[in-house]
Protein backbone atom coordinates (compact mmCIF):
# COMPACT_ATOMS: atom_id res chain seq x y z
CA UNK A 1 -16.68 28.45 -12.90
CA UNK A 2 -18.42 25.85 -14.95
CA UNK A 3 -16.67 22.69 -16.45
CA UNK A 4 -18.72 20.07 -18.27
CA UNK A 5 -22.00 21.89 -17.13
CA UNK A 6 -21.24 21.56 -13.44
CA UNK A 7 -20.08 24.25 -11.01
CA UNK A 8 -16.49 23.71 -9.84
CA UNK A 9 -14.73 25.42 -7.10
CA UNK A 10 -11.20 26.62 -7.47
CA UNK A 11 -10.12 24.46 -4.38
CA UNK A 12 -11.24 21.40 -6.47
CA UNK A 13 -9.13 22.39 -9.35
CA UNK A 14 -6.02 22.87 -7.23
CA UNK A 15 -6.69 19.51 -5.34
CA UNK A 16 -7.03 17.70 -8.78
CA UNK A 17 -3.95 19.35 -10.20
CA UNK A 18 -1.87 18.47 -6.91
CA UNK A 19 -3.05 14.83 -7.18
CA UNK A 20 -2.06 14.58 -10.92
CA UNK A 21 1.29 16.17 -9.97
CA UNK A 22 1.87 13.67 -7.34
CA UNK A 23 0.79 10.70 -9.46
CA UNK A 24 3.19 11.99 -12.18
CA UNK A 25 6.19 12.35 -10.04
CA UNK A 26 5.94 8.94 -8.18
CA UNK A 27 5.29 7.20 -11.66
CA UNK A 28 8.51 9.13 -13.12
CA UNK A 29 10.51 8.04 -9.99
CA UNK A 30 9.29 4.32 -10.09
CA UNK A 31 10.21 4.00 -13.79
CA UNK A 32 13.67 5.78 -13.29
CA UNK A 33 14.42 3.44 -10.41
CA UNK A 34 13.64 0.47 -12.48
CA UNK A 35 15.85 1.83 -15.28
CA UNK A 36 18.76 2.42 -13.13
CA UNK A 37 18.54 -1.26 -11.55
CA UNK A 38 18.51 -2.91 -15.02
CA UNK A 39 22.24 -2.97 -15.24
CA UNK A 40 24.38 -5.09 -13.07
CA UNK A 41 26.75 -3.47 -10.68
CA UNK A 42 30.12 -2.97 -11.71
CA UNK A 43 33.37 -4.52 -9.91
CA UNK A 44 34.18 -1.05 -8.55
CA UNK A 45 30.64 -0.79 -7.09
CA UNK A 46 30.83 -4.07 -5.53
CA UNK A 47 34.12 -3.50 -3.91
CA UNK A 48 33.00 0.01 -2.60
CA UNK A 49 30.05 -1.76 -1.10
CA UNK A 50 32.01 -4.39 0.66
CA UNK A 51 34.55 -1.86 1.92
CA UNK A 52 31.52 0.08 3.29
CA UNK A 53 30.21 -2.92 4.94
CA UNK A 54 33.39 -3.76 6.56
CA UNK A 55 34.00 -0.21 7.99
CA UNK A 56 30.46 -0.36 9.47
CA UNK A 57 30.73 -3.74 11.16
CA UNK A 58 34.15 -2.65 12.65
CA UNK A 59 32.91 0.39 14.50
CA UNK A 60 30.55 -0.81 17.20
């Protein structure tokens, strides 16, 4: 197969496509994490975290 006048093997196309998919998925995940962390935690979330930490510390 020729792309831009050069011979390209199918394995190279698959490698490029998988690299692009990996880059796109990690970029999406980073932006999703940033968006989710923009709002401060609610009182319920803070209470739940404190309760969890207390329960973990109690059980040795």
